[in-house]
Protein backbone atom coordinates (compact mmCIF):
# COMPACT_ATOMS: atom_id res chain seq x y z
CA MET A 1 0.00 0.00 0.00
CA GLY A 2 1.28 3.49 -0.80
CA GLU A 3 1.91 6.08 1.91
CA ASP A 4 -0.21 8.87 0.38
CA TRP A 5 -3.27 7.83 2.38
CA ARG A 6 -1.59 8.45 5.75
CA PRO A 7 -3.09 11.54 7.45
CA GLN A 8 -0.83 14.39 8.53
CA VAL A 9 -0.54 15.07 12.26
CA GLY A 10 -3.49 17.23 13.29
CA ALA A 11 -5.67 16.12 10.38
CA VAL A 12 -9.29 15.24 11.10
CA VAL A 13 -10.30 11.66 10.27
CA LEU A 14 -13.88 10.39 10.22
CA ILE A 15 -14.22 6.86 11.63
CA GLU A 16 -17.31 4.80 10.90
CA PRO A 17 -17.34 1.69 13.10
CA THR A 18 -18.77 -1.41 11.43
CA PRO A 19 -21.32 -2.91 11.42
CA ASP A 20 -23.38 0.02 10.13
CA GLY A 21 -25.69 1.78 12.54
CA THR A 22 -23.00 2.86 15.00
CA SER A 23 -22.50 6.62 15.15
CA PRO A 24 -19.44 7.98 13.29
CA ILE A 25 -16.49 9.20 15.36
CA THR A 26 -14.35 12.26 14.68
CA ALA A 27 -10.67 11.65 15.42
CA ILE A 28 -7.44 13.65 15.19
CA ALA A 29 -4.21 12.15 13.81
CA VAL A 30 -1.47 12.31 16.47
CA PRO A 31 2.30 11.79 16.14
CA ASP A 32 3.95 8.41 16.64
CA ASP A 33 7.69 7.70 16.66
CA ALA A 34 7.13 4.13 15.44
CA GLY A 35 5.47 5.24 12.19
CA ARG A 36 2.01 3.94 13.08
CA VAL A 37 -1.16 5.86 12.16
CA LEU A 38 -2.50 6.92 15.56
CA LEU A 39 -5.92 8.52 15.98
CA ASP A 40 -7.13 10.26 19.12
CA VAL A 41 -10.89 9.75 19.47
CA GLY A 42 -11.04 11.49 22.86
CA ALA A 43 -13.71 10.24 25.23
CA SER A 44 -16.09 9.22 22.44
CA VAL A 45 -15.07 5.55 22.51
CA THR A 46 -14.83 3.18 25.47
CA PRO A 47 -11.30 1.72 25.37
CA ASP A 48 -11.27 -1.81 23.95
CA ALA A 49 -7.97 -3.69 23.89
CA HIS A 50 -9.32 -5.87 21.08
CA GLY A 51 -10.25 -2.86 18.95
CA PHE A 52 -13.11 -2.55 16.50
CA ALA A 53 -13.65 -2.87 12.76
CA ALA A 54 -14.10 0.45 10.98
CA VAL A 55 -13.97 2.44 7.77
CA ALA A 56 -11.90 5.62 8.13
CA SER A 57 -12.17 8.59 5.75
CA VAL A 58 -8.81 10.33 5.32
CA PHE A 59 -8.92 13.63 3.43
CA ALA A 60 -5.95 14.51 1.18
CA PRO A 61 -5.62 17.64 -1.01
CA ASP A 62 -6.94 16.02 -4.18
CA ARG A 63 -8.66 12.84 -3.05
CA LEU A 64 -10.45 11.04 -0.29
CA TYR A 65 -9.09 7.74 1.02
CA ARG A 66 -11.57 5.21 2.42
CA VAL A 67 -9.54 2.92 4.67
CA THR A 68 -11.24 -0.34 5.66
CA GLY A 69 -9.55 -2.03 8.60
CA LYS A 70 -9.43 -2.07 12.36
CA CYS A 71 -8.85 0.44 15.14
CA VAL A 72 -6.74 -1.14 17.89
CA LEU A 73 -6.03 0.48 21.25
CA ALA A 74 -2.48 1.82 20.81
CA ASP A 75 -1.46 1.91 24.46
CA PRO A 76 -3.45 0.84 27.54
CA HIS A 77 -2.14 3.96 29.32
CA ARG A 78 -3.45 6.36 26.63
CA ASP A 79 -7.24 6.17 26.65
CA GLY A 80 -8.83 7.14 23.38
CA VAL A 81 -5.73 6.69 21.17
CA TYR A 82 -6.14 3.96 18.57
CA GLU A 83 -3.89 2.65 15.82
CA LEU A 84 -5.55 2.46 12.41
CA VAL A 85 -4.54 -0.86 10.83
CA PRO A 86 -5.61 -0.95 7.15
CA ASP A 87 -6.83 -3.99 5.25
CA GLU A 88 -8.00 -2.21 2.11
CA ILE A 89 -7.64 1.35 0.80
CA GLU A 90 -9.92 2.95 -1.79
CA GLN A 91 -9.12 6.28 -3.48
CA VAL A 92 -11.94 8.67 -4.41
CA GLU A 93 -11.05 11.73 -6.50
CA ARG A 94 -12.25 14.94 -4.79
CA ARG A 95 -11.25 17.67 -7.19
CA ALA A 96 -14.30 18.99 -9.05
CA THR A 97 -12.46 21.49 -11.27
CA PRO A 98 -9.33 21.13 -13.43
CA ARG A 99 -6.14 22.35 -11.75
CA ARG A 100 -2.95 23.46 -13.45
CA GLY A 101 0.52 24.37 -12.23
CA ILE A 102 0.53 28.14 -12.72
CA GLU A 103 2.66 30.68 -10.82
CA VAL A 104 1.17 34.14 -10.33
CA ARG A 105 1.63 36.69 -7.56
CA ALA A 106 -0.80 36.06 -4.69
CA THR A 107 -1.64 38.28 -1.73
CA LEU A 108 -3.56 36.87 1.23
CA MET A 109 -5.36 39.56 3.25
CA ALA A 110 -6.98 39.35 6.68
CA PHE A 111 -9.37 42.07 7.77
CA ASP A 112 -8.95 41.96 11.56
CA GLY A 113 -11.04 44.98 12.48
CA PRO A 114 -12.16 48.41 11.33
CA GLY A 115 -9.48 49.67 8.97
CA ALA A 116 -6.93 47.03 10.02
CA VAL A 117 -5.61 44.83 7.21
CA VAL A 118 -2.86 42.24 7.56
CA SER A 119 -1.42 40.92 4.29
CA THR A 120 0.97 38.15 3.32
CA VAL A 121 2.53 38.01 -0.15
CA GLY A 122 3.57 34.94 -2.10
CA HIS A 123 2.75 33.06 -5.30
CA THR A 124 0.53 30.26 -6.48
CA ILE A 125 1.81 26.74 -7.04
CA ASP A 126 -1.30 25.70 -8.92
CA LEU A 127 -4.66 27.20 -9.76
CA SER A 128 -8.22 26.18 -10.59
CA SER A 129 -11.53 28.02 -10.84
CA GLY A 130 -12.39 26.56 -7.43
CA GLY A 131 -9.19 27.38 -5.53
CA CYS A 132 -5.40 27.38 -5.49
CA ARG A 133 -2.30 26.40 -3.60
CA VAL A 134 -0.14 29.31 -2.42
CA VAL A 135 3.29 29.53 -0.82
CA THR A 136 4.31 32.62 1.18
CA GLU A 137 7.46 33.71 3.01
CA GLU A 138 5.54 34.84 6.11
CA PRO A 139 2.70 32.99 7.88
CA PHE A 140 -0.90 34.07 7.38
CA PRO A 141 -2.67 34.86 10.71
CA PHE A 142 -4.03 31.66 12.23
CA GLY A 143 -7.82 31.60 12.58
CA SER A 144 -8.46 34.17 9.83
CA GLU A 145 -10.15 33.44 6.51
CA PRO A 146 -8.21 35.10 3.68
CA THR A 147 -9.30 37.38 0.91
CA VAL A 148 -7.04 36.40 -2.00
CA SER A 149 -5.79 38.75 -4.71
CA LEU A 150 -4.20 37.06 -7.73
CA ARG A 151 -2.18 39.19 -10.16
CA LEU A 152 -2.60 37.58 -13.59
CA ASP A 153 0.02 37.81 -16.34
CA ASP A 154 -2.11 40.33 -18.29
CA GLY A 155 -1.79 42.77 -15.36
CA THR A 156 -5.34 42.34 -14.06
CA ASN A 157 -6.36 41.08 -10.63
CA VAL A 158 -8.75 38.37 -9.49
CA LEU A 159 -10.23 38.83 -6.02
CA ALA A 160 -11.88 36.03 -4.01
CA ARG A 161 -12.78 35.07 -0.47
CA ALA A 162 -11.33 31.69 0.49
CA ALA A 163 -11.25 29.01 3.14
CA ILE A 164 -7.99 27.39 4.19
CA LEU A 165 -8.28 23.62 3.69
CA GLU A 166 -4.68 22.86 4.60
CA ARG A 167 -1.71 24.77 5.99
CA ARG A 168 1.84 23.57 6.56
CA HIS A 169 5.28 25.06 7.13
CA GLU A 170 7.98 23.70 4.84
CA PRO A 171 11.01 25.97 5.25
CA PRO A 172 11.59 28.42 3.84
CA GLY A 173 7.88 28.90 3.04
CA TYR A 174 4.33 28.53 4.32
CA HIS A 175 2.01 26.47 2.13
CA TYR A 176 -1.77 26.98 1.95
CA ARG A 177 -4.40 25.03 0.06
CA LEU A 178 -7.34 27.35 -0.52
CA MET A 179 -10.91 26.85 -1.69
CA PHE A 180 -12.68 29.89 -3.09
CA THR A 181 -15.90 30.56 -1.16
CA ASP A 182 -16.91 33.81 -2.84
CA ILE A 183 -15.68 34.84 -6.29
CA ASP A 184 -17.34 36.89 -9.03
CA LEU A 185 -18.54 34.76 -11.94
CA GLU A 186 -16.47 36.88 -14.36
CA ASP A 187 -13.29 36.26 -12.34
CA GLN A 188 -14.09 32.55 -12.04
CA VAL A 189 -14.44 32.33 -15.83
CA ARG A 190 -11.14 34.17 -16.34
CA VAL A 191 -9.34 31.72 -14.05
CA ALA A 192 -11.01 28.73 -15.74
CA GLU A 193 -9.90 30.00 -19.16
CA LEU A 194 -6.34 30.43 -17.85
CA VAL A 195 -6.31 26.88 -16.45
CA VAL A 196 -7.49 25.20 -19.65
CA ALA A 197 -5.43 27.40 -22.00
């Protein structure tokens, strides 16, 4: 099995115990020095040394992984932390719009109060009409939703509100995967034309 399905530390994983009918569990991927996939389910599951069968949904930037396997109590001294042991992994494509590697200047802006604007400048790694990946030299304020300004090669700008789907620090830059939540139809068409050109 490839390693792409493994969730990053801090990622949210949805666990659906089997058989069906049991309520889904939200878990957080936690670090493990031994390379196991450990999920903290908090107090939502009664510890069971034998574990339980489950299907886990692991969200990656461009696809969803459905991992069928077992959740086994990782350590009897760490209640609520289970190891996800896969038997079968299914990939489901998530991207609804074409994406293309295009580098344009990108500014992420946070409006933190009346008249106060914090901005972070960088460039796109790739672009689609539904979002983009951006790398910046400075971090964008945690907890803020960005307004994104993209400077296209023809000198015009595209402006969109966005949600941060993923953030990570890979020195020397800060990487953000963004989904546009509010963009003018005209700007969306311009980006789509750029992507398929």
